[in-house]
């Protein structure tokens, strides 16, 4: 696992077509924006674990998907 430190508005590039941007970093959460091709499914981890494979189709991404996740300790 690659672990990076980023500040607000900084980005991480994955391959040629996926960009992760730190939108806001607070005390207890981090808001990130993900830009990826529509063919790439982007889903929060807890939903991917809980959702049966057939339900995964219901979690399609939009062009600007914002996820709120727990801040790494």
C-alpha atoms as a PDB file:
ATOM      1  CA  UNK A   1       0.000   0.000   0.000  1.00  0.00           C
ATOM      2  CA  UNK A   2       1.266   3.422  -0.932  1.00  0.00           C
ATOM      3  CA  UNK A   3       0.615   6.015   1.793  1.00  0.00           C
ATOM      4  CA  UNK A   4       0.833   9.693   0.822  1.00  0.00           C
ATOM      5  CA  UNK A   5       0.454  12.968   2.671  1.00  0.00           C
ATOM      6  CA  UNK A   6      -1.534  15.593   0.758  1.00  0.00           C
ATOM      7  CA  UNK A   7      -2.886  19.046   1.569  1.00  0.00           C
ATOM      8  CA  UNK A   8      -6.151  20.606   0.412  1.00  0.00           C
ATOM      9  CA  UNK A   9      -6.354  21.086  -3.362  1.00  0.00           C
ATOM     10  CA  UNK A  10      -3.418  18.734  -3.997  1.00  0.00           C
ATOM     11  CA  UNK A  11      -3.958  15.734  -6.267  1.00  0.00           C
ATOM     12  CA  UNK A  12      -2.930  12.133  -6.763  1.00  0.00           C
ATOM     13  CA  UNK A  13      -2.855  10.679 -10.299  1.00  0.00           C
ATOM     14  CA  UNK A  14      -3.470   6.983 -10.929  1.00  0.00           C
ATOM     15  CA  UNK A  15      -2.537   5.957 -14.431  1.00  0.00           C
ATOM     16  CA  UNK A  16      -3.436   8.367 -17.220  1.00  0.00           C
ATOM     17  CA  UNK A  17      -7.108   8.928 -16.451  1.00  0.00           C
ATOM     18  CA  UNK A  18      -7.824   8.827 -12.703  1.00  0.00           C
ATOM     19  CA  UNK A  19      -7.290  11.897 -10.503  1.00  0.00           C
ATOM     20  CA  UNK A  20      -7.967  12.099  -6.765  1.00  0.00           C
ATOM     21  CA  UNK A  21      -8.112  15.588  -5.254  1.00  0.00           C
ATOM     22  CA  UNK A  22      -8.202  16.533  -1.578  1.00  0.00           C
ATOM     23  CA  UNK A  23     -11.169  18.906  -1.413  1.00  0.00           C
ATOM     24  CA  UNK A  24     -11.235  19.487   2.353  1.00  0.00           C
ATOM     25  CA  UNK A  25      -9.325  18.072   5.304  1.00  0.00           C
ATOM     26  CA  UNK A  26     -10.884  18.491   8.735  1.00  0.00           C
ATOM     27  CA  UNK A  27     -10.176  17.130  12.201  1.00  0.00           C
ATOM     28  CA  UNK A  28     -12.239  13.976  11.857  1.00  0.00           C
ATOM     29  CA  UNK A  29     -12.805  13.564   8.116  1.00  0.00           C
ATOM     30  CA  UNK A  30     -11.340  14.153   4.687  1.00  0.00           C
ATOM     31  CA  UNK A  31     -13.428  15.077   1.634  1.00  0.00           C
ATOM     32  CA  UNK A  32     -11.992  13.835  -1.646  1.00  0.00           C
ATOM     33  CA  UNK A  33     -13.021  14.257  -5.262  1.00  0.00           C
ATOM     34  CA  UNK A  34     -12.442  11.493  -7.786  1.00  0.00           C
ATOM     35  CA  UNK A  35     -12.318  11.959 -11.551  1.00  0.00           C
ATOM     36  CA  UNK A  36     -12.382   8.684 -13.465  1.00  0.00           C
ATOM     37  CA  UNK A  37     -13.790   7.344 -16.730  1.00  0.00           C
ATOM     38  CA  UNK A  38     -17.424   6.214 -16.545  1.00  0.00           C
ATOM     39  CA  UNK A  39     -16.262   2.635 -17.161  1.00  0.00           C
ATOM     40  CA  UNK A  40     -14.471   2.655 -13.774  1.00  0.00           C
ATOM     41  CA  UNK A  41     -16.782   1.929 -10.839  1.00  0.00           C
ATOM     42  CA  UNK A  42     -16.022   4.081  -7.793  1.00  0.00           C
ATOM     43  CA  UNK A  43     -17.653   2.939  -4.548  1.00  0.00           C
ATOM     44  CA  UNK A  44     -17.078   3.539  -0.842  1.00  0.00           C
ATOM     45  CA  UNK A  45     -15.379   0.547   0.761  1.00  0.00           C
ATOM     46  CA  UNK A  46     -18.138  -0.225   3.254  1.00  0.00           C
ATOM     47  CA  UNK A  47     -20.716  -0.299   0.451  1.00  0.00           C
ATOM     48  CA  UNK A  48     -18.589  -2.580  -1.706  1.00  0.00           C
ATOM     49  CA  UNK A  49     -18.242  -5.067   1.173  1.00  0.00           C
ATOM     50  CA  UNK A  50     -21.931  -5.008   2.173  1.00  0.00           C
ATOM     51  CA  UNK A  51     -23.486  -4.872  -1.294  1.00  0.00           C
ATOM     52  CA  UNK A  52     -24.185  -8.108  -3.138  1.00  0.00           C
ATOM     53  CA  UNK A  53     -22.696  -8.175  -6.677  1.00  0.00           C
ATOM     54  CA  UNK A  54     -26.073  -7.469  -8.290  1.00  0.00           C
ATOM     55  CA  UNK A  55     -26.551  -4.352  -6.129  1.00  0.00           C
ATOM     56  CA  UNK A  56     -23.199  -2.918  -7.195  1.00  0.00           C
ATOM     57  CA  UNK A  57     -24.824  -1.678 -10.415  1.00  0.00           C
ATOM     58  CA  UNK A  58     -26.903   0.735  -8.315  1.00  0.00           C
ATOM     59  CA  UNK A  59     -23.828   2.652  -7.191  1.00  0.00           C
ATOM     60  CA  UNK A  60     -22.802   4.356 -10.410  1.00  0.00           C
ATOM     61  CA  UNK A  61     -20.496   7.344 -10.283  1.00  0.00           C
ATOM     62  CA  UNK A  62     -21.010  10.820 -11.608  1.00  0.00           C
ATOM     63  CA  UNK A  63     -18.330  12.982 -13.214  1.00  0.00           C
ATOM     64  CA  UNK A  64     -17.531  14.599  -9.856  1.00  0.00           C
ATOM     65  CA  UNK A  65     -17.979  12.087  -7.071  1.00  0.00           C
ATOM     66  CA  UNK A  66     -17.225  13.265  -3.580  1.00  0.00           C
ATOM     67  CA  UNK A  67     -16.631  10.768  -0.815  1.00  0.00           C
ATOM     68  CA  UNK A  68     -16.336  11.424   2.862  1.00  0.00           C
ATOM     69  CA  UNK A  69     -14.055   8.999   4.648  1.00  0.00           C
ATOM     70  CA  UNK A  70     -12.443   8.735   8.042  1.00  0.00           C
ATOM     71  CA  UNK A  71      -9.161  10.574   8.347  1.00  0.00           C
ATOM     72  CA  UNK A  72      -6.163   8.261   8.595  1.00  0.00           C
ATOM     73  CA  UNK A  73      -4.561   8.169  12.001  1.00  0.00           C
END
